[in-house]
Amino acid sequence: MTKPSTKRIAWIDMAKAIAILLMVVGHEVGGSIYTWIFSFHMPLFFILSGYTARRVDTWYGLCKTISKLIKRIWILAAIMIILLAIENYLFYPARITNVIKVTVMGIFWGSNGAVPA
């Protein structure tokens, strides 16, 4: 089996960059512009990412891909959620048990936007 090409496709990289910028703009504006941007920016990003994805055809390849994703994404997200918990504890008076509960839920659920009550 030949090794897949790692050559970048410039127009796909540019389109993904535009989709990311639109995501930032979409979160900052309101009204009809917000609705227009949110109607396509994430589907565009995922379609383009899928276009450049590489097929995993062995168990070793799957384990290697999952390991890489955990190292790159999940650990960074967990660190950010823990930092948010520290910020919540310092600036919003709450019981430490509630802060820990929200933090653990955030780490395993994938989001931690709530201020503990």
PDB file of N, CA and C in Angstrom:
ATOM      1  N   MET A   1       0.847  -1.171   0.000  1.00  0.00           N
ATOM      2  CA  MET A   1       0.000   0.000   0.000  1.00  0.00           C
ATOM      3  C   MET A   1       0.897   1.239   0.000  1.00  0.00           C
ATOM      4  N   THR A   2       0.584   2.198  -0.826  1.00  0.00           N
ATOM      5  CA  THR A   2       1.385   3.413  -0.894  1.00  0.00           C
ATOM      6  C   THR A   2       0.960   4.396   0.180  1.00  0.00           C
ATOM      7  N   LYS A   3       1.905   5.209   0.592  1.00  0.00           N
ATOM      8  CA  LYS A   3       1.629   6.224   1.616  1.00  0.00           C
ATOM      9  C   LYS A   3       0.830   7.357   0.983  1.00  0.00           C
ATOM     10  N   PRO A   4      -0.237   7.820   1.670  1.00  0.00           N
ATOM     11  CA  PRO A   4      -1.037   8.905   1.095  1.00  0.00           C
ATOM     12  C   PRO A   4      -0.241  10.202   1.042  1.00  0.00           C
ATOM     13  N   SER A   5      -0.572  11.027   0.087  1.00  0.00           N
ATOM     14  CA  SER A   5       0.104  12.301  -0.105  1.00  0.00           C
ATOM     15  C   SER A   5      -0.233  13.258   1.035  1.00  0.00           C
ATOM     16  N   THR A   6       0.774  13.972   1.503  1.00  0.00           N
ATOM     17  CA  THR A   6       0.555  14.953   2.563  1.00  0.00           C
ATOM     18  C   THR A   6       0.592  16.380   2.013  1.00  0.00           C
ATOM     19  N   LYS A   7       0.519  16.500   0.710  1.00  0.00           N
ATOM     20  CA  LYS A   7       0.545  17.815   0.073  1.00  0.00           C
ATOM     21  C   LYS A   7      -0.728  18.587   0.428  1.00  0.00           C
ATOM     22  N   ARG A   8      -0.571  19.847   0.839  1.00  0.00           N
ATOM     23  CA  ARG A   8      -1.696  20.690   1.225  1.00  0.00           C
ATOM     24  C   ARG A   8      -2.417  21.197  -0.031  1.00  0.00           C
ATOM     25  N   ILE A   9      -3.720  21.368   0.097  1.00  0.00           N
ATOM     26  CA  ILE A   9      -4.523  21.928  -0.992  1.00  0.00           C
ATOM     27  C   ILE A   9      -4.873  23.349  -0.575  1.00  0.00           C
ATOM     28  N   ALA A  10      -4.276  24.324  -1.248  1.00  0.00           N
ATOM     29  CA  ALA A  10      -4.332  25.722  -0.814  1.00  0.00           C
ATOM     30  C   ALA A  10      -5.760  26.257  -0.733  1.00  0.00           C
ATOM     31  N   TRP A  11      -6.600  25.969  -1.717  1.00  0.00           N
ATOM     32  CA  TRP A  11      -7.938  26.556  -1.699  1.00  0.00           C
ATOM     33  C   TRP A  11      -8.774  25.999  -0.553  1.00  0.00           C
ATOM     34  N   ILE A  12      -8.524  24.736  -0.158  1.00  0.00           N
ATOM     35  CA  ILE A  12      -9.252  24.164   0.975  1.00  0.00           C
ATOM     36  C   ILE A  12      -8.785  24.816   2.278  1.00  0.00           C
ATOM     37  N   ASP A  13      -7.484  25.017   2.419  1.00  0.00           N
ATOM     38  CA  ASP A  13      -6.976  25.695   3.607  1.00  0.00           C
ATOM     39  C   ASP A  13      -7.550  27.106   3.720  1.00  0.00           C
ATOM     40  N   MET A  14      -7.631  27.815   2.607  1.00  0.00           N
ATOM     41  CA  MET A  14      -8.177  29.179   2.626  1.00  0.00           C
ATOM     42  C   MET A  14      -9.669  29.168   2.962  1.00  0.00           C
ATOM     43  N   ALA A  15     -10.406  28.231   2.407  1.00  0.00           N
ATOM     44  CA  ALA A  15     -11.842  28.143   2.697  1.00  0.00           C
ATOM     45  C   ALA A  15     -12.077  27.795   4.164  1.00  0.00           C
ATOM     46  N   LYS A  16     -11.259  26.901   4.720  1.00  0.00           N
ATOM     47  CA  LYS A  16     -11.388  26.578   6.146  1.00  0.00           C
ATOM     48  C   LYS A  16     -11.036  27.784   7.010  1.00  0.00           C
ATOM     49  N   ALA A  17     -10.038  28.552   6.620  1.00  0.00           N
ATOM     50  CA  ALA A  17      -9.676  29.763   7.362  1.00  0.00           C
ATOM     51  C   ALA A  17     -10.816  30.774   7.337  1.00  0.00           C
ATOM     52  N   ILE A  18     -11.457  30.925   6.203  1.00  0.00           N
ATOM     53  CA  ILE A  18     -12.608  31.840   6.097  1.00  0.00           C
ATOM     54  C   ILE A  18     -13.748  31.349   6.983  1.00  0.00           C
ATOM     55  N   ALA A  19     -14.000  30.045   6.996  1.00  0.00           N
ATOM     56  CA  ALA A  19     -15.066  29.491   7.845  1.00  0.00           C
ATOM     57  C   ALA A  19     -14.760  29.743   9.325  1.00  0.00           C
ATOM     58  N   ILE A  20     -13.499  29.624   9.718  1.00  0.00           N
ATOM     59  CA  ILE A  20     -13.122  29.889  11.109  1.00  0.00           C
ATOM     60  C   ILE A  20     -13.320  31.364  11.441  1.00  0.00           C
ATOM     61  N   LEU A  21     -12.908  32.250  10.549  1.00  0.00           N
ATOM     62  CA  LEU A  21     -13.116  33.683  10.780  1.00  0.00           C
ATOM     63  C   LEU A  21     -14.602  34.021  10.860  1.00  0.00           C
ATOM     64  N   LEU A  22     -15.407  33.409  10.009  1.00  0.00           N
ATOM     65  CA  LEU A  22     -16.848  33.641  10.067  1.00  0.00           C
ATOM     66  C   LEU A  22     -17.435  33.138  11.378  1.00  0.00           C
ATOM     67  N   MET A  23     -16.880  32.073  11.929  1.00  0.00           N
ATOM     68  CA  MET A  23     -17.345  31.586  13.223  1.00  0.00           C
ATOM     69  C   MET A  23     -17.105  32.637  14.302  1.00  0.00           C
ATOM     70  N   VAL A  24     -15.926  33.255  14.288  1.00  0.00           N
ATOM     71  CA  VAL A  24     -15.620  34.295  15.268  1.00  0.00           C
ATOM     72  C   VAL A  24     -16.553  35.486  15.079  1.00  0.00           C
ATOM     73  N   VAL A  25     -16.716  35.927  13.846  1.00  0.00           N
ATOM     74  CA  VAL A  25     -17.609  37.056  13.563  1.00  0.00           C
ATOM     75  C   VAL A  25     -19.041  36.708  13.955  1.00  0.00           C
ATOM     76  N   GLY A  26     -19.477  35.504  13.643  1.00  0.00           N
ATOM     77  CA  GLY A  26     -20.840  35.075  13.950  1.00  0.00           C
ATOM     78  C   GLY A  26     -21.148  35.093  15.434  1.00  0.00           C
ATOM     79  N   HIS A  27     -20.143  34.840  16.256  1.00  0.00           N
ATOM     80  CA  HIS A  27     -20.361  34.861  17.700  1.00  0.00           C
ATOM     81  C   HIS A  27     -20.361  36.276  18.266  1.00  0.00           C
ATOM     82  N   GLU A  28     -19.927  37.249  17.477  1.00  0.00           N
ATOM     83  CA  GLU A  28     -19.836  38.616  17.966  1.00  0.00           C
ATOM     84  C   GLU A  28     -20.928  39.542  17.449  1.00  0.00           C
ATOM     85  N   VAL A  29     -21.599  39.175  16.381  1.00  0.00           N
ATOM     86  CA  VAL A  29     -22.636  40.045  15.810  1.00  0.00           C
ATOM     87  C   VAL A  29     -24.012  39.454  16.073  1.00  0.00           C
ATOM     88  N   GLY A  30     -25.021  40.209  15.766  1.00  0.00           N
ATOM     89  CA  GLY A  30     -26.384  39.726  15.943  1.00  0.00           C
ATOM     90  C   GLY A  30     -27.208  39.983  14.697  1.00  0.00           C
ATOM     91  N   GLY A  31     -28.491  39.739  14.817  1.00  0.00           N
ATOM     92  CA  GLY A  31     -29.423  40.041  13.733  1.00  0.00           C
ATOM     93  C   GLY A  31     -29.320  39.112  12.555  1.00  0.00           C
ATOM     94  N   SER A  32     -29.576  39.665  11.384  1.00  0.00           N
ATOM     95  CA  SER A  32     -29.623  38.847  10.168  1.00  0.00           C
ATOM     96  C   SER A  32     -28.247  38.367   9.740  1.00  0.00           C
ATOM     97  N   ILE A  33     -27.197  39.119  10.062  1.00  0.00           N
ATOM     98  CA  ILE A  33     -25.839  38.674   9.716  1.00  0.00           C
ATOM     99  C   ILE A  33     -25.507  37.396  10.489  1.00  0.00           C
ATOM    100  N   TYR A  34     -25.885  37.373  11.760  1.00  0.00           N
ATOM    101  CA  TYR A  34     -25.684  36.196  12.615  1.00  0.00           C
ATOM    102  C   TYR A  34     -26.383  34.987  11.996  1.00  0.00           C
ATOM    103  N   THR A  35     -27.630  35.151  11.623  1.00  0.00           N
ATOM    104  CA  THR A  35     -28.400  34.053  11.038  1.00  0.00           C
ATOM    105  C   THR A  35     -27.767  33.584   9.731  1.00  0.00           C
ATOM    106  N   TRP A  36     -27.338  34.509   8.905  1.00  0.00           N
ATOM    107  CA  TRP A  36     -26.741  34.170   7.616  1.00  0.00           C
ATOM    108  C   TRP A  36     -25.441  33.387   7.809  1.00  0.00           C
ATOM    109  N   ILE A  37     -24.567  33.883   8.694  1.00  0.00           N
ATOM    110  CA  ILE A  37     -23.282  33.211   8.923  1.00  0.00           C
ATOM    111  C   ILE A  37     -23.494  31.819   9.511  1.00  0.00           C
ATOM    112  N   PHE A  38     -24.405  31.707  10.482  1.00  0.00           N
ATOM    113  CA  PHE A  38     -24.614  30.420  11.138  1.00  0.00           C
ATOM    114  C   PHE A  38     -25.340  29.424  10.244  1.00  0.00           C
ATOM    115  N   SER A  39     -25.861  29.868   9.122  1.00  0.00           N
ATOM    116  CA  SER A  39     -26.548  28.942   8.220  1.00  0.00           C
ATOM    117  C   SER A  39     -25.575  28.059   7.436  1.00  0.00           C
ATOM    118  N   PHE A  40     -24.292  28.448   7.370  1.00  0.00           N
ATOM    119  CA  PHE A  40     -23.384  27.650   6.536  1.00  0.00           C
ATOM    120  C   PHE A  40     -21.958  27.499   7.054  1.00  0.00           C
ATOM    121  N   HIS A  41     -21.498  28.309   7.989  1.00  0.00           N
ATOM    122  CA  HIS A  41     -20.062  28.291   8.281  1.00  0.00           C
ATOM    123  C   HIS A  41     -19.566  26.976   8.869  1.00  0.00           C
ATOM    124  N   MET A  42     -20.273  26.362   9.796  1.00  0.00           N
ATOM    125  CA  MET A  42     -19.802  25.095  10.362  1.00  0.00           C
ATOM    126  C   MET A  42     -19.970  23.919   9.396  1.00  0.00           C
ATOM    127  N   PRO A  43     -21.108  23.813   8.689  1.00  0.00           N
ATOM    128  CA  PRO A  43     -21.166  22.740   7.685  1.00  0.00           C
ATOM    129  C   PRO A  43     -20.041  22.849   6.654  1.00  0.00           C
ATOM    130  N   LEU A  44     -19.721  24.080   6.221  1.00  0.00           N
ATOM    131  CA  LEU A  44     -18.634  24.275   5.269  1.00  0.00           C
ATOM    132  C   LEU A  44     -17.314  23.776   5.849  1.00  0.00           C
ATOM    133  N   PHE A  45     -17.029  24.143   7.087  1.00  0.00           N
ATOM    134  CA  PHE A  45     -15.788  23.727   7.730  1.00  0.00           C
ATOM    135  C   PHE A  45     -15.702  22.201   7.835  1.00  0.00           C
ATOM    136  N   PHE A  46     -16.785  21.549   8.254  1.00  0.00           N
ATOM    137  CA  PHE A  46     -16.753  20.095   8.406  1.00  0.00           C
ATOM    138  C   PHE A  46     -16.674  19.375   7.061  1.00  0.00           C
ATOM    139  N   ILE A  47     -17.345  19.891   6.064  1.00  0.00           N
ATOM    140  CA  ILE A  47     -17.256  19.278   4.735  1.00  0.00           C
ATOM    141  C   ILE A  47     -15.827  19.355   4.207  1.00  0.00           C
ATOM    142  N   LEU A  48     -15.213  20.518   4.345  1.00  0.00           N
ATOM    143  CA  LEU A  48     -13.836  20.673   3.865  1.00  0.00           C
ATOM    144  C   LEU A  48     -12.858  19.832   4.681  1.00  0.00           C
ATOM    145  N   SER A  49     -13.087  19.721   5.974  1.00  0.00           N
ATOM    146  CA  SER A  49     -12.220  18.879   6.804  1.00  0.00           C
ATOM    147  C   SER A  49     -12.372  17.411   6.425  1.00  0.00           C
ATOM    148  N   GLY A  50     -13.581  16.983   6.144  1.00  0.00           N
ATOM    149  CA  GLY A  50     -13.808  15.612   5.711  1.00  0.00           C
ATOM    150  C   GLY A  50     -13.192  15.320   4.360  1.00  0.00           C
ATOM    151  N   TYR A  51     -13.173  16.330   3.498  1.00  0.00           N
ATOM    152  CA  TYR A  51     -12.572  16.177   2.168  1.00  0.00           C
ATOM    153  C   TYR A  51     -11.090  15.865   2.274  1.00  0.00           C
ATOM    154  N   THR A  52     -10.431  16.425   3.276  1.00  0.00           N
ATOM    155  CA  THR A  52      -8.992  16.220   3.421  1.00  0.00           C
ATOM    156  C   THR A  52      -8.647  15.117   4.419  1.00  0.00           C
ATOM    157  N   ALA A  53      -9.651  14.488   5.013  1.00  0.00           N
ATOM    158  CA  ALA A  53      -9.394  13.435   5.996  1.00  0.00           C
ATOM    159  C   ALA A  53      -8.792  12.205   5.322  1.00  0.00           C
ATOM    160  N   ARG A  54      -8.012  11.478   6.095  1.00  0.00           N
ATOM    161  CA  ARG A  54      -7.372  10.272   5.595  1.00  0.00           C
ATOM    162  C   ARG A  54      -8.108   9.057   6.135  1.00  0.00           C
ATOM    163  N   ARG A  55      -8.292   8.055   5.325  1.00  0.00           N
ATOM    164  CA  ARG A  55      -8.988   6.846   5.738  1.00  0.00           C
ATOM    165  C   ARG A  55      -8.117   6.028   6.677  1.00  0.00           C
ATOM    166  N   VAL A  56      -8.708   5.534   7.753  1.00  0.00           N
ATOM    167  CA  VAL A  56      -8.011   4.677   8.702  1.00  0.00           C
ATOM    168  C   VAL A  56      -8.479   3.254   8.427  1.00  0.00           C
ATOM    169  N   ASP A  57      -7.531   2.376   8.062  1.00  0.00           N
ATOM    170  CA  ASP A  57      -7.941   1.032   7.665  1.00  0.00           C
ATOM    171  C   ASP A  57      -7.333  -0.082   8.510  1.00  0.00           C
ATOM    172  N   THR A  58      -6.648   0.255   9.600  1.00  0.00           N
ATOM    173  CA  THR A  58      -6.126  -0.768  10.503  1.00  0.00           C
ATOM    174  C   THR A  58      -6.448  -0.373  11.946  1.00  0.00           C
ATOM    175  N   TRP A  59      -6.430  -1.363  12.839  1.00  0.00           N
ATOM    176  CA  TRP A  59      -6.659  -1.078  14.257  1.00  0.00           C
ATOM    177  C   TRP A  59      -5.535  -0.210  14.803  1.00  0.00           C
ATOM    178  N   TYR A  60      -4.314  -0.467  14.372  1.00  0.00           N
ATOM    179  CA  TYR A  60      -3.182   0.349  14.813  1.00  0.00           C
ATOM    180  C   TYR A  60      -3.369   1.802  14.372  1.00  0.00           C
ATOM    181  N   GLY A  61      -3.811   2.000  13.143  1.00  0.00           N
ATOM    182  CA  GLY A  61      -4.055   3.352  12.648  1.00  0.00           C
ATOM    183  C   GLY A  61      -5.153   4.058  13.429  1.00  0.00           C
ATOM    184  N   LEU A  62      -6.201   3.312  13.784  1.00  0.00           N
ATOM    185  CA  LEU A  62      -7.288   3.889  14.577  1.00  0.00           C
ATOM    186  C   LEU A  62      -6.790   4.292  15.959  1.00  0.00           C
ATOM    187  N   CYS A  63      -6.035   3.404  16.603  1.00  0.00           N
ATOM    188  CA  CYS A  63      -5.494   3.719  17.940  1.00  0.00           C
ATOM    189  C   CYS A  63      -4.552   4.917  17.872  1.00  0.00           C
ATOM    190  N   LYS A  64      -3.747   4.994  16.841  1.00  0.00           N
ATOM    191  CA  LYS A  64      -2.820   6.111  16.678  1.00  0.00           C
ATOM    192  C   LYS A  64      -3.581   7.424  16.473  1.00  0.00           C
ATOM    193  N   THR A  65      -4.639   7.397  15.683  1.00  0.00           N
ATOM    194  CA  THR A  65      -5.447   8.596  15.437  1.00  0.00           C
ATOM    195  C   THR A  65      -6.144   9.050  16.709  1.00  0.00           C
ATOM    196  N   ILE A  66      -6.727   8.112  17.450  1.00  0.00           N
ATOM    197  CA  ILE A  66      -7.419   8.459  18.698  1.00  0.00           C
ATOM    198  C   ILE A  66      -6.431   9.023  19.709  1.00  0.00           C
ATOM    199  N   SER A  67      -5.259   8.412  19.812  1.00  0.00           N
ATOM    200  CA  SER A  67      -4.240   8.894  20.735  1.00  0.00           C
ATOM    201  C   SER A  67      -3.823  10.320  20.389  1.00  0.00           C
ATOM    202  N   LYS A  68      -3.647  10.577  19.106  1.00  0.00           N
ATOM    203  CA  LYS A  68      -3.256  11.920  18.671  1.00  0.00           C
ATOM    204  C   LYS A  68      -4.355  12.937  18.985  1.00  0.00           C
ATOM    205  N   LEU A  69      -5.610  12.554  18.768  1.00  0.00           N
ATOM    206  CA  LEU A  69      -6.719  13.462  19.070  1.00  0.00           C
ATOM    207  C   LEU A  69      -6.811  13.752  20.561  1.00  0.00           C
ATOM    208  N   ILE A  70      -6.605  12.741  21.393  1.00  0.00           N
ATOM    209  CA  ILE A  70      -6.662  12.951  22.844  1.00  0.00           C
ATOM    210  C   ILE A  70      -5.560  13.908  23.272  1.00  0.00           C
ATOM    211  N   LYS A  71      -4.368  13.702  22.753  1.00  0.00           N
ATOM    212  CA  LYS A  71      -3.259  14.576  23.126  1.00  0.00           C
ATOM    213  C   LYS A  71      -3.484  16.002  22.657  1.00  0.00           C
ATOM    214  N   ARG A  72      -3.969  16.175  21.455  1.00  0.00           N
ATOM    215  CA  ARG A  72      -4.106  17.514  20.886  1.00  0.00           C
ATOM    216  C   ARG A  72      -5.340  18.255  21.374  1.00  0.00           C
ATOM    217  N   ILE A  73      -6.441  17.571  21.517  1.00  0.00           N
ATOM    218  CA  ILE A  73      -7.706  18.259  21.757  1.00  0.00           C
ATOM    219  C   ILE A  73      -8.203  18.093  23.181  1.00  0.00           C
ATOM    220  N   TRP A  74      -8.374  16.868  23.635  1.00  0.00           N
ATOM    221  CA  TRP A  74      -9.037  16.639  24.913  1.00  0.00           C
ATOM    222  C   TRP A  74      -8.237  17.180  26.085  1.00  0.00           C
ATOM    223  N   ILE A  75      -6.920  16.957  26.091  1.00  0.00           N
ATOM    224  CA  ILE A  75      -6.103  17.444  27.203  1.00  0.00           C
ATOM    225  C   ILE A  75      -6.117  18.970  27.235  1.00  0.00           C
ATOM    226  N   LEU A  76      -5.999  19.623  26.104  1.00  0.00           N
ATOM    227  CA  LEU A  76      -6.062  21.085  26.056  1.00  0.00           C
ATOM    228  C   LEU A  76      -7.422  21.583  26.539  1.00  0.00           C
ATOM    229  N   ALA A  77      -8.484  20.940  26.109  1.00  0.00           N
ATOM    230  CA  ALA A  77      -9.830  21.339  26.544  1.00  0.00           C
ATOM    231  C   ALA A  77      -9.989  21.149  28.047  1.00  0.00           C
ATOM    232  N   ALA A  78      -9.475  20.055  28.585  1.00  0.00           N
ATOM    233  CA  ALA A  78      -9.573  19.816  30.029  1.00  0.00           C
ATOM    234  C   ALA A  78      -8.819  20.888  30.807  1.00  0.00           C
ATOM    235  N   ILE A  79      -7.650  21.277  30.331  1.00  0.00           N
ATOM    236  CA  ILE A  79      -6.889  22.348  30.987  1.00  0.00           C
ATOM    237  C   ILE A  79      -7.670  23.657  30.957  1.00  0.00           C
ATOM    238  N   MET A  80      -8.267  23.974  29.825  1.00  0.00           N
ATOM    239  CA  MET A  80      -9.049  25.216  29.715  1.00  0.00           C
ATOM    240  C   MET A  80     -10.261  25.184  30.643  1.00  0.00           C
ATOM    241  N   ILE A  81     -10.906  24.053  30.764  1.00  0.00           N
ATOM    242  CA  ILE A  81     -12.071  23.923  31.650  1.00  0.00           C
ATOM    243  C   ILE A  81     -11.645  24.087  33.109  1.00  0.00           C
ATOM    244  N   ILE A  82     -10.501  23.530  33.466  1.00  0.00           N
ATOM    245  CA  ILE A  82      -9.994  23.685  34.832  1.00  0.00           C
ATOM    246  C   ILE A  82      -9.667  25.151  35.113  1.00  0.00           C
ATOM    247  N   LEU A  83      -9.058  25.847  34.153  1.00  0.00           N
ATOM    248  CA  LEU A  83      -8.778  27.271  34.332  1.00  0.00           C
ATOM    249  C   LEU A  83     -10.066  28.073  34.483  1.00  0.00           C
ATOM    250  N   LEU A  84     -11.092  27.718  33.725  1.00  0.00           N
ATOM    251  CA  LEU A  84     -12.381  28.388  33.864  1.00  0.00           C
ATOM    252  C   LEU A  84     -12.974  28.133  35.244  1.00  0.00           C
ATOM    253  N   ALA A  85     -12.800  26.924  35.775  1.00  0.00           N
ATOM    254  CA  ALA A  85     -13.300  26.607  37.110  1.00  0.00           C
ATOM    255  C   ALA A  85     -12.596  27.458  38.168  1.00  0.00           C
ATOM    256  N   ILE A  86     -11.296  27.640  38.012  1.00  0.00           N
ATOM    257  CA  ILE A  86     -10.555  28.487  38.952  1.00  0.00           C
ATOM    258  C   ILE A  86     -11.068  29.922  38.881  1.00  0.00           C
ATOM    259  N   GLU A  87     -11.289  30.406  37.669  1.00  0.00           N
ATOM    260  CA  GLU A  87     -11.849  31.749  37.501  1.00  0.00           C
ATOM    261  C   GLU A  87     -13.234  31.851  38.147  1.00  0.00           C
ATOM    262  N   ASN A  88     -14.081  30.871  37.911  1.00  0.00           N
ATOM    263  CA  ASN A  88     -15.416  30.875  38.522  1.00  0.00           C
ATOM    264  C   ASN A  88     -15.329  30.885  40.040  1.00  0.00           C
ATOM    265  N   TYR A  89     -14.420  30.104  40.591  1.00  0.00           N
ATOM    266  CA  TYR A  89     -14.298  30.031  42.048  1.00  0.00           C
ATOM    267  C   TYR A  89     -13.810  31.357  42.624  1.00  0.00           C
ATOM    268  N   LEU A  90     -12.894  32.014  41.915  1.00  0.00           N
ATOM    269  CA  LEU A  90     -12.335  33.264  42.422  1.00  0.00           C
ATOM    270  C   LEU A  90     -13.286  34.449  42.291  1.00  0.00           C
ATOM    271  N   PHE A  91     -14.061  34.493  41.210  1.00  0.00           N
ATOM    272  CA  PHE A  91     -14.867  35.684  40.927  1.00  0.00           C
ATOM    273  C   PHE A  91     -16.361  35.528  41.186  1.00  0.00           C
ATOM    274  N   TYR A  92     -16.852  34.306  41.285  1.00  0.00           N
ATOM    275  CA  TYR A  92     -18.266  34.073  41.561  1.00  0.00           C
ATOM    276  C   TYR A  92     -18.358  33.206  42.812  1.00  0.00           C
ATOM    277  N   PRO A  93     -18.791  33.812  43.919  1.00  0.00           N
ATOM    278  CA  PRO A  93     -18.835  33.025  45.160  1.00  0.00           C
ATOM    279  C   PRO A  93     -19.713  31.781  45.008  1.00  0.00           C
ATOM    280  N   ALA A  94     -19.106  30.640  45.227  1.00  0.00           N
ATOM    281  CA  ALA A  94     -19.835  29.374  45.130  1.00  0.00           C
ATOM    282  C   ALA A  94     -19.132  28.369  46.030  1.00  0.00           C
ATOM    283  N   ARG A  95     -19.869  27.348  46.401  1.00  0.00           N
ATOM    284  CA  ARG A  95     -19.257  26.288  47.200  1.00  0.00           C
ATOM    285  C   ARG A  95     -18.289  25.501  46.324  1.00  0.00           C
ATOM    286  N   ILE A  96     -17.181  25.118  46.905  1.00  0.00           N
ATOM    287  CA  ILE A  96     -16.151  24.396  46.156  1.00  0.00           C
ATOM    288  C   ILE A  96     -16.685  23.089  45.583  1.00  0.00           C
ATOM    289  N   THR A  97     -17.631  22.459  46.275  1.00  0.00           N
ATOM    290  CA  THR A  97     -18.191  21.204  45.751  1.00  0.00           C
ATOM    291  C   THR A  97     -18.947  21.443  44.446  1.00  0.00           C
ATOM    292  N   ASN A  98     -19.651  22.577  44.353  1.00  0.00           N
ATOM    293  CA  ASN A  98     -20.353  22.897  43.108  1.00  0.00           C
ATOM    294  C   ASN A  98     -19.376  23.207  41.978  1.00  0.00           C
ATOM    295  N   VAL A  99     -18.285  23.907  42.316  1.00  0.00           N
ATOM    296  CA  VAL A  99     -17.269  24.211  41.298  1.00  0.00           C
ATOM    297  C   VAL A  99     -16.657  22.917  40.777  1.00  0.00           C
ATOM    298  N   ILE A 100     -16.328  22.006  41.675  1.00  0.00           N
ATOM    299  CA  ILE A 100     -15.740  20.724  41.264  1.00  0.00           C
ATOM    300  C   ILE A 100     -16.734  19.927  40.415  1.00  0.00           C
ATOM    301  N   LYS A 101     -17.990  19.906  40.825  1.00  0.00           N
ATOM    302  CA  LYS A 101     -19.019  19.172  40.073  1.00  0.00           C
ATOM    303  C   LYS A 101     -19.146  19.700  38.651  1.00  0.00           C
ATOM    304  N   VAL A 102     -19.230  21.026  38.499  1.00  0.00           N
ATOM    305  CA  VAL A 102     -19.362  21.632  37.170  1.00  0.00           C
ATOM    306  C   VAL A 102     -18.106  21.371  36.344  1.00  0.00           C
ATOM    307  N   THR A 103     -16.943  21.413  36.983  1.00  0.00           N
ATOM    308  CA  THR A 103     -15.685  21.188  36.270  1.00  0.00           C
ATOM    309  C   THR A 103     -15.579  19.752  35.761  1.00  0.00           C
ATOM    310  N   VAL A 104     -15.871  18.784  36.613  1.00  0.00           N
ATOM    311  CA  VAL A 104     -15.798  17.380  36.201  1.00  0.00           C
ATOM    312  C   VAL A 104     -16.813  17.106  35.088  1.00  0.00           C
ATOM    313  N   MET A 105     -18.020  17.653  35.240  1.00  0.00           N
ATOM    314  CA  MET A 105     -19.020  17.484  34.179  1.00  0.00           C
ATOM    315  C   MET A 105     -18.520  18.124  32.888  1.00  0.00           C
ATOM    316  N   GLY A 106     -17.877  19.279  32.990  1.00  0.00           N
ATOM    317  CA  GLY A 106     -17.359  19.953  31.804  1.00  0.00           C
ATOM    318  C   GLY A 106     -16.273  19.164  31.111  1.00  0.00           C
ATOM    319  N   ILE A 107     -15.381  18.568  31.897  1.00  0.00           N
ATOM    320  CA  ILE A 107     -14.286  17.804  31.300  1.00  0.00           C
ATOM    321  C   ILE A 107     -14.813  16.594  30.541  1.00  0.00           C
ATOM    322  N   PHE A 108     -15.789  15.895  31.098  1.00  0.00           N
ATOM    323  CA  PHE A 108     -16.273  14.690  30.442  1.00  0.00           C
ATOM    324  C   PHE A 108     -17.443  14.939  29.507  1.00  0.00           C
ATOM    325  N   TRP A 109     -18.118  16.083  29.640  1.00  0.00           N
ATOM    326  CA  TRP A 109     -19.235  16.402  28.761  1.00  0.00           C
ATOM    327  C   TRP A 109     -18.760  17.216  27.572  1.00  0.00           C
ATOM    328  N   GLY A 110     -17.683  17.983  27.771  1.00  0.00           N
ATOM    329  CA  GLY A 110     -17.095  18.724  26.666  1.00  0.00           C
ATOM    330  C   GLY A 110     -17.390  20.210  26.683  1.00  0.00           C
ATOM    331  N   SER A 111     -18.093  20.691  27.671  1.00  0.00           N
ATOM    332  CA  SER A 111     -18.403  22.114  27.740  1.00  0.00           C
ATOM    333  C   SER A 111     -18.502  22.509  29.192  1.00  0.00           C
ATOM    334  N   ASN A 112     -18.096  23.740  29.481  1.00  0.00           N
ATOM    335  CA  ASN A 112     -18.158  24.204  30.867  1.00  0.00           C
ATOM    336  C   ASN A 112     -18.417  25.702  30.873  1.00  0.00           C
ATOM    337  N   GLY A 113     -19.566  26.115  30.427  1.00  0.00           N
ATOM    338  CA  GLY A 113     -19.889  27.523  30.399  1.00  0.00           C
ATOM    339  C   GLY A 113     -20.677  27.975  31.597  1.00  0.00           C
ATOM    340  N   ALA A 114     -21.114  27.065  32.426  1.00  0.00           N
ATOM    341  CA  ALA A 114     -21.999  27.419  33.525  1.00  0.00           C
ATOM    342  C   ALA A 114     -21.224  27.906  34.727  1.00  0.00           C
ATOM    343  N   VAL A 115     -21.755  28.922  35.359  1.00  0.00           N
ATOM    344  CA  VAL A 115     -21.215  29.381  36.633  1.00  0.00           C
ATOM    345  C   VAL A 115     -21.881  28.549  37.709  1.00  0.00           C
ATOM    346  N   PRO A 116     -21.116  27.902  38.583  1.00  0.00           N
ATOM    347  CA  PRO A 116     -21.728  27.040  39.581  1.00  0.00           C
ATOM    348  C   PRO A 116     -22.639  27.826  40.526  1.00  0.00           C
ATOM    349  N   ALA A 117     -23.792  27.275  40.832  1.00  0.00           N
ATOM    350  CA  ALA A 117     -24.752  27.952  41.695  1.00  0.00           C
ATOM    351  C   ALA A 117     -24.537  27.603  43.141  1.00  0.00           C
TER     352      ALA A 117
END
